[in-house]
Amino acid sequence: MKPPYNDITDKLGAPQWWDDNGTPRYCEPHPVHAPCIYAREVLFYVIKCQACQTAFTVCITGKIFQEKELLEYIKDHGIHYGDPPNFGCCAAGPTMSSDSIRVVSYWVKVNKDMEWKELEEFRNHPLE
C-alpha cells in the first residue's frame, strides 16, 4: 500500500502523475523529476486500479542494480507498478493492485553529460 498524500492533494487536487513511491507530482512528466538520481531509464505509463478502473499516469525508474533494463520489461509487457496511488479511487481501498495499460513516454540517458532522450517509438506502446 502506498502512503496517502492528503496533505498535498487536498490543497492542490489531482496531480499530473505519480512517482515510483506513489508521490503526487504536479509538473510535466520528465525524467529530471523522477525520484532516483541514479536512474538510467525512466518510464511514464498509464495504470488502472483493478477494482474501479481509475487510470493514473505513473513513473518507474531503471536503476543500475536492476536485473534487466526497463526496455526489456516494456517489450515483454512485464512492467508492474503494484498498488495504485492512494488517492481514494475506490471502495476496495489502496491495497488493490493495478494493471499496466500503455506507455506515455520512455527515456534513457544517452551520453556522459547525462542528458535524457525520449525514445518516441515507444509512445502509446501497449503494456497489456
N, C-alpha and C. Protein backbone atom coordinates (compact mmCIF):
# COMPACT_ATOMS: atom_id res chain seq x y z
N MET A 1 0.85 -1.17 0.00
CA MET A 1 0.00 0.00 0.00
C MET A 1 0.90 1.24 0.00
N LYS A 2 0.56 2.17 -0.84
CA LYS A 2 1.29 3.43 -0.91
C LYS A 2 0.70 4.41 0.10
N PRO A 3 1.53 5.32 0.62
CA PRO A 3 1.01 6.27 1.61
C PRO A 3 0.08 7.29 0.99
N PRO A 4 -0.89 7.76 1.77
CA PRO A 4 -1.74 8.84 1.26
C PRO A 4 -0.98 10.17 1.35
N TYR A 5 -1.23 11.04 0.44
CA TYR A 5 -0.61 12.37 0.46
C TYR A 5 -1.71 13.42 0.53
N ASN A 6 -2.69 13.19 1.42
CA ASN A 6 -3.83 14.09 1.55
C ASN A 6 -3.42 15.51 1.90
N ASP A 7 -2.32 15.66 2.63
CA ASP A 7 -1.86 17.00 2.98
C ASP A 7 -1.51 17.80 1.73
N ILE A 8 -1.13 17.12 0.67
CA ILE A 8 -0.78 17.77 -0.59
C ILE A 8 -1.98 17.81 -1.53
N THR A 9 -2.59 16.63 -1.76
CA THR A 9 -3.68 16.55 -2.74
C THR A 9 -4.93 17.30 -2.30
N ASP A 10 -5.18 17.41 -1.00
CA ASP A 10 -6.34 18.19 -0.55
C ASP A 10 -6.19 19.67 -0.90
N LYS A 11 -4.96 20.14 -0.94
CA LYS A 11 -4.71 21.55 -1.28
C LYS A 11 -4.57 21.78 -2.78
N LEU A 12 -3.98 20.80 -3.50
CA LEU A 12 -3.66 21.01 -4.92
C LEU A 12 -4.51 20.21 -5.90
N GLY A 13 -5.28 19.27 -5.39
CA GLY A 13 -6.10 18.44 -6.28
C GLY A 13 -5.31 17.29 -6.89
N ALA A 14 -5.86 16.72 -7.94
CA ALA A 14 -5.23 15.58 -8.60
C ALA A 14 -3.95 16.02 -9.31
N PRO A 15 -2.89 15.24 -9.17
CA PRO A 15 -1.63 15.58 -9.82
C PRO A 15 -1.62 15.16 -11.29
N GLN A 16 -0.59 15.59 -12.01
CA GLN A 16 -0.43 15.16 -13.41
C GLN A 16 0.05 13.72 -13.47
N TRP A 17 0.89 13.31 -12.50
CA TRP A 17 1.41 11.95 -12.46
C TRP A 17 1.88 11.63 -11.04
N TRP A 18 2.24 10.36 -10.84
CA TRP A 18 2.69 9.85 -9.54
C TRP A 18 4.03 9.16 -9.75
N ASP A 19 4.99 9.35 -8.82
CA ASP A 19 6.29 8.71 -9.00
C ASP A 19 6.31 7.28 -8.48
N ASP A 20 7.49 6.66 -8.50
CA ASP A 20 7.68 5.26 -8.07
C ASP A 20 7.09 4.99 -6.69
N ASN A 21 7.16 5.99 -5.83
CA ASN A 21 6.75 5.84 -4.44
C ASN A 21 5.28 6.19 -4.20
N GLY A 22 4.57 6.56 -5.25
CA GLY A 22 3.18 6.98 -5.10
C GLY A 22 3.05 8.44 -4.68
N THR A 23 4.12 9.21 -4.86
CA THR A 23 4.12 10.63 -4.51
C THR A 23 3.48 11.43 -5.64
N PRO A 24 2.54 12.32 -5.33
CA PRO A 24 1.91 13.13 -6.39
C PRO A 24 2.89 14.15 -6.95
N ARG A 25 2.87 14.31 -8.27
CA ARG A 25 3.74 15.27 -8.95
C ARG A 25 2.88 16.19 -9.80
N TYR A 26 3.16 17.47 -9.77
CA TYR A 26 2.32 18.47 -10.43
C TYR A 26 3.01 19.16 -11.61
N CYS A 27 4.14 18.66 -12.02
CA CYS A 27 4.86 19.20 -13.18
C CYS A 27 4.67 18.25 -14.37
N GLU A 28 5.09 18.68 -15.54
CA GLU A 28 5.04 17.81 -16.71
C GLU A 28 5.93 16.59 -16.46
N PRO A 29 5.50 15.41 -16.90
CA PRO A 29 6.33 14.22 -16.72
C PRO A 29 7.65 14.35 -17.51
N HIS A 30 8.76 14.36 -16.81
CA HIS A 30 10.08 14.40 -17.42
C HIS A 30 11.04 13.68 -16.47
N PRO A 31 12.02 12.97 -16.99
CA PRO A 31 12.91 12.18 -16.13
C PRO A 31 13.70 12.98 -15.09
N VAL A 32 13.91 14.26 -15.31
CA VAL A 32 14.63 15.05 -14.30
C VAL A 32 13.84 15.13 -12.99
N HIS A 33 12.55 14.83 -13.04
CA HIS A 33 11.71 14.88 -11.84
C HIS A 33 11.50 13.50 -11.21
N ALA A 34 12.11 12.47 -11.78
CA ALA A 34 11.99 11.12 -11.22
C ALA A 34 12.72 11.05 -9.88
N PRO A 35 12.27 10.19 -8.97
CA PRO A 35 12.83 10.19 -7.62
C PRO A 35 14.22 9.58 -7.48
N CYS A 36 14.75 8.88 -8.47
CA CYS A 36 16.06 8.24 -8.35
C CYS A 36 17.10 8.96 -9.21
N ILE A 37 18.05 9.60 -8.57
CA ILE A 37 19.07 10.34 -9.34
C ILE A 37 20.03 9.40 -10.07
N TYR A 38 20.04 8.12 -9.70
CA TYR A 38 20.91 7.14 -10.34
C TYR A 38 20.25 6.45 -11.53
N ALA A 39 19.02 6.78 -11.81
CA ALA A 39 18.28 6.10 -12.88
C ALA A 39 18.97 6.29 -14.22
N ARG A 40 18.99 5.22 -15.02
CA ARG A 40 19.48 5.28 -16.40
C ARG A 40 18.32 5.31 -17.37
N GLU A 41 17.15 4.90 -16.90
CA GLU A 41 15.95 4.86 -17.71
C GLU A 41 14.78 5.34 -16.86
N VAL A 42 13.81 5.97 -17.51
CA VAL A 42 12.59 6.38 -16.82
C VAL A 42 11.42 6.10 -17.75
N LEU A 43 10.42 5.47 -17.19
CA LEU A 43 9.21 5.15 -17.94
C LEU A 43 8.02 5.83 -17.28
N PHE A 44 7.26 6.56 -18.08
CA PHE A 44 5.98 7.10 -17.65
C PHE A 44 4.93 6.26 -18.37
N TYR A 45 3.96 5.77 -17.60
CA TYR A 45 2.94 4.92 -18.22
C TYR A 45 1.63 5.01 -17.46
N VAL A 46 0.59 4.50 -18.10
CA VAL A 46 -0.76 4.54 -17.53
C VAL A 46 -1.06 3.19 -16.90
N ILE A 47 -1.59 3.25 -15.67
CA ILE A 47 -2.09 2.06 -14.99
C ILE A 47 -3.56 2.27 -14.68
N LYS A 48 -4.25 1.18 -14.36
CA LYS A 48 -5.65 1.26 -13.89
C LYS A 48 -5.79 0.42 -12.64
N CYS A 49 -6.56 0.94 -11.69
CA CYS A 49 -6.90 0.18 -10.49
C CYS A 49 -7.69 -1.06 -10.93
N GLN A 50 -7.34 -2.21 -10.40
CA GLN A 50 -8.03 -3.44 -10.78
C GLN A 50 -9.49 -3.46 -10.34
N ALA A 51 -9.82 -2.72 -9.30
CA ALA A 51 -11.20 -2.73 -8.80
C ALA A 51 -12.08 -1.72 -9.52
N CYS A 52 -11.69 -0.45 -9.51
CA CYS A 52 -12.59 0.59 -10.03
C CYS A 52 -12.20 1.11 -11.41
N GLN A 53 -11.07 0.65 -11.93
CA GLN A 53 -10.61 1.03 -13.26
C GLN A 53 -10.20 2.50 -13.38
N THR A 54 -9.97 3.19 -12.26
CA THR A 54 -9.46 4.55 -12.32
C THR A 54 -8.05 4.51 -12.91
N ALA A 55 -7.79 5.40 -13.87
CA ALA A 55 -6.49 5.45 -14.54
C ALA A 55 -5.58 6.48 -13.85
N PHE A 56 -4.29 6.14 -13.77
CA PHE A 56 -3.27 7.01 -13.21
C PHE A 56 -2.06 7.00 -14.13
N THR A 57 -1.43 8.15 -14.34
CA THR A 57 -0.13 8.17 -15.00
C THR A 57 0.91 8.07 -13.90
N VAL A 58 1.82 7.10 -14.05
CA VAL A 58 2.83 6.84 -13.03
C VAL A 58 4.22 6.78 -13.68
N CYS A 59 5.21 6.72 -12.82
CA CYS A 59 6.61 6.70 -13.25
C CYS A 59 7.30 5.51 -12.59
N ILE A 60 8.22 4.91 -13.31
CA ILE A 60 9.10 3.91 -12.73
C ILE A 60 10.49 4.17 -13.29
N THR A 61 11.51 3.98 -12.46
CA THR A 61 12.87 4.24 -12.89
C THR A 61 13.67 2.96 -12.99
N GLY A 62 14.56 2.94 -13.97
CA GLY A 62 15.51 1.83 -14.11
C GLY A 62 16.77 2.18 -13.34
N LYS A 63 17.17 1.31 -12.44
CA LYS A 63 18.32 1.58 -11.59
C LYS A 63 19.52 0.73 -12.01
N ILE A 64 20.68 1.14 -11.62
CA ILE A 64 21.92 0.48 -12.01
C ILE A 64 21.93 -0.99 -11.59
N PHE A 65 21.40 -1.33 -10.44
CA PHE A 65 21.47 -2.69 -9.90
C PHE A 65 20.29 -3.57 -10.32
N GLN A 66 19.46 -3.09 -11.21
CA GLN A 66 18.27 -3.82 -11.65
C GLN A 66 18.66 -5.04 -12.49
N GLU A 67 17.86 -6.08 -12.43
CA GLU A 67 18.14 -7.33 -13.13
C GLU A 67 18.23 -7.16 -14.65
N LYS A 68 17.30 -6.42 -15.24
CA LYS A 68 17.36 -6.16 -16.67
C LYS A 68 16.83 -4.75 -16.94
N GLU A 69 17.02 -4.28 -18.15
CA GLU A 69 16.61 -2.92 -18.50
C GLU A 69 15.09 -2.80 -18.59
N LEU A 70 14.59 -1.61 -18.30
CA LEU A 70 13.15 -1.36 -18.42
C LEU A 70 12.65 -1.69 -19.82
N LEU A 71 13.46 -1.43 -20.83
CA LEU A 71 13.06 -1.70 -22.20
C LEU A 71 12.64 -3.16 -22.39
N GLU A 72 13.37 -4.07 -21.75
CA GLU A 72 13.00 -5.49 -21.85
C GLU A 72 11.65 -5.76 -21.20
N TYR A 73 11.40 -5.12 -20.07
CA TYR A 73 10.10 -5.27 -19.40
C TYR A 73 8.98 -4.70 -20.26
N ILE A 74 9.26 -3.57 -20.92
CA ILE A 74 8.26 -2.96 -21.80
C ILE A 74 7.91 -3.93 -22.93
N LYS A 75 8.94 -4.45 -23.59
CA LYS A 75 8.72 -5.36 -24.73
C LYS A 75 8.01 -6.64 -24.31
N ASP A 76 8.29 -7.10 -23.09
CA ASP A 76 7.67 -8.33 -22.58
C ASP A 76 6.32 -8.09 -21.90
N HIS A 77 5.88 -6.81 -21.85
CA HIS A 77 4.66 -6.43 -21.13
C HIS A 77 4.75 -6.83 -19.67
N GLY A 78 5.95 -6.67 -19.08
CA GLY A 78 6.18 -7.12 -17.72
C GLY A 78 6.35 -6.01 -16.69
N ILE A 79 5.92 -4.81 -17.01
CA ILE A 79 6.02 -3.70 -16.07
C ILE A 79 4.88 -3.81 -15.06
N HIS A 80 5.21 -3.70 -13.78
CA HIS A 80 4.16 -3.79 -12.77
C HIS A 80 4.41 -2.74 -11.70
N TYR A 81 3.47 -1.84 -11.52
CA TYR A 81 3.57 -0.76 -10.54
C TYR A 81 3.14 -1.22 -9.14
N GLY A 82 2.28 -2.21 -9.09
CA GLY A 82 1.76 -2.67 -7.79
C GLY A 82 0.49 -1.94 -7.42
N ASP A 83 0.35 -1.61 -6.15
CA ASP A 83 -0.84 -0.89 -5.68
C ASP A 83 -0.93 0.47 -6.36
N PRO A 84 -2.13 0.90 -6.72
CA PRO A 84 -2.27 2.23 -7.33
C PRO A 84 -1.99 3.31 -6.29
N PRO A 85 -1.78 4.54 -6.74
CA PRO A 85 -1.61 5.64 -5.78
C PRO A 85 -2.79 5.68 -4.82
N ASN A 86 -2.51 6.08 -3.60
CA ASN A 86 -3.52 6.13 -2.55
C ASN A 86 -4.27 7.46 -2.65
N PHE A 87 -5.16 7.51 -3.61
CA PHE A 87 -5.89 8.75 -3.90
C PHE A 87 -7.39 8.54 -3.77
N GLY A 88 -7.81 7.54 -2.98
CA GLY A 88 -9.22 7.29 -2.73
C GLY A 88 -9.99 6.90 -3.97
N CYS A 89 -9.37 6.07 -4.82
CA CYS A 89 -10.00 5.78 -6.10
C CYS A 89 -11.19 4.83 -6.01
N CYS A 90 -11.25 3.99 -4.97
CA CYS A 90 -12.36 3.04 -4.96
C CYS A 90 -12.63 2.51 -3.55
N ALA A 91 -13.75 1.86 -3.41
CA ALA A 91 -14.16 1.31 -2.12
C ALA A 91 -13.29 0.13 -1.70
N ALA A 92 -12.60 -0.49 -2.67
CA ALA A 92 -11.74 -1.64 -2.35
C ALA A 92 -10.52 -1.21 -1.55
N GLY A 93 -10.18 0.07 -1.60
CA GLY A 93 -9.06 0.59 -0.81
C GLY A 93 -7.76 0.60 -1.59
N PRO A 94 -6.75 1.25 -1.03
CA PRO A 94 -5.48 1.44 -1.72
C PRO A 94 -4.58 0.21 -1.78
N THR A 95 -5.03 -0.92 -1.26
CA THR A 95 -4.21 -2.13 -1.35
C THR A 95 -4.59 -2.98 -2.56
N MET A 96 -5.53 -2.53 -3.36
CA MET A 96 -5.89 -3.22 -4.59
C MET A 96 -4.74 -3.02 -5.58
N SER A 97 -4.38 -4.02 -6.34
CA SER A 97 -3.29 -3.89 -7.30
C SER A 97 -3.73 -3.14 -8.55
N SER A 98 -2.81 -2.97 -9.48
CA SER A 98 -3.11 -2.23 -10.71
C SER A 98 -2.68 -3.03 -11.93
N ASP A 99 -3.24 -2.66 -13.06
CA ASP A 99 -2.88 -3.24 -14.35
C ASP A 99 -2.16 -2.17 -15.17
N SER A 100 -1.09 -2.57 -15.84
CA SER A 100 -0.36 -1.65 -16.72
C SER A 100 -1.08 -1.58 -18.06
N ILE A 101 -1.29 -0.37 -18.57
CA ILE A 101 -2.09 -0.18 -19.79
C ILE A 101 -1.24 0.19 -21.00
N ARG A 102 -0.55 1.35 -20.92
CA ARG A 102 0.22 1.80 -22.09
C ARG A 102 1.32 2.76 -21.67
N VAL A 103 2.34 2.84 -22.51
CA VAL A 103 3.46 3.76 -22.30
C VAL A 103 3.02 5.18 -22.63
N VAL A 104 3.40 6.13 -21.80
CA VAL A 104 3.25 7.55 -22.11
C VAL A 104 4.54 8.03 -22.74
N SER A 105 5.68 7.78 -22.08
CA SER A 105 6.99 8.09 -22.65
C SER A 105 8.05 7.24 -21.97
N TYR A 106 9.10 6.92 -22.74
CA TYR A 106 10.22 6.13 -22.24
C TYR A 106 11.50 6.90 -22.56
N TRP A 107 12.34 7.10 -21.53
CA TRP A 107 13.53 7.94 -21.63
C TRP A 107 14.77 7.16 -21.21
N VAL A 108 15.91 7.48 -21.85
CA VAL A 108 17.20 6.89 -21.49
C VAL A 108 18.25 7.98 -21.42
N LYS A 109 19.28 7.74 -20.59
CA LYS A 109 20.44 8.64 -20.57
C LYS A 109 21.34 8.25 -21.73
N VAL A 110 21.76 9.25 -22.51
CA VAL A 110 22.42 8.93 -23.77
C VAL A 110 23.90 9.26 -23.85
N ASN A 111 24.44 10.00 -22.92
CA ASN A 111 25.85 10.36 -23.05
C ASN A 111 26.47 10.65 -21.69
N LYS A 112 27.76 10.95 -21.72
CA LYS A 112 28.49 11.22 -20.47
C LYS A 112 27.98 12.45 -19.74
N ASP A 113 27.28 13.35 -20.45
CA ASP A 113 26.71 14.54 -19.82
C ASP A 113 25.39 14.26 -19.14
N MET A 114 24.97 12.99 -19.19
CA MET A 114 23.76 12.54 -18.52
C MET A 114 22.49 13.18 -19.09
N GLU A 115 22.48 13.47 -20.36
CA GLU A 115 21.30 14.04 -20.99
C GLU A 115 20.26 12.94 -21.23
N TRP A 116 19.00 13.35 -21.14
CA TRP A 116 17.90 12.42 -21.36
C TRP A 116 17.40 12.53 -22.79
N LYS A 117 17.06 11.37 -23.36
CA LYS A 117 16.46 11.32 -24.69
C LYS A 117 15.23 10.43 -24.63
N GLU A 118 14.13 10.94 -25.18
CA GLU A 118 12.93 10.12 -25.25
C GLU A 118 13.01 9.22 -26.49
N LEU A 119 12.71 7.95 -26.32
CA LEU A 119 12.61 7.02 -27.45
C LEU A 119 11.15 7.04 -27.90
N GLU A 120 10.87 7.91 -28.85
CA GLU A 120 9.49 8.19 -29.25
C GLU A 120 8.76 6.99 -29.84
N GLU A 121 9.48 6.00 -30.34
CA GLU A 121 8.81 4.83 -30.92
C GLU A 121 8.02 4.03 -29.89
N PHE A 122 8.24 4.32 -28.60
CA PHE A 122 7.51 3.60 -27.56
C PHE A 122 6.30 4.35 -27.03
N ARG A 123 6.05 5.56 -27.53
CA ARG A 123 4.84 6.29 -27.11
C ARG A 123 3.61 5.47 -27.45
N ASN A 124 2.72 5.36 -26.50
CA ASN A 124 1.46 4.62 -26.64
C ASN A 124 1.64 3.12 -26.86
N HIS A 125 2.84 2.61 -26.63
CA HIS A 125 3.08 1.18 -26.73
C HIS A 125 2.22 0.46 -25.69
N PRO A 126 1.43 -0.53 -26.10
CA PRO A 126 0.57 -1.23 -25.13
C PRO A 126 1.37 -2.06 -24.15
N LEU A 127 0.90 -2.12 -22.91
CA LEU A 127 1.55 -2.92 -21.87
C LEU A 127 0.64 -4.04 -21.38
N GLU A 128 -0.53 -4.17 -21.96
CA GLU A 128 -1.49 -5.21 -21.54
C GLU A 128 -1.14 -6.53 -22.19
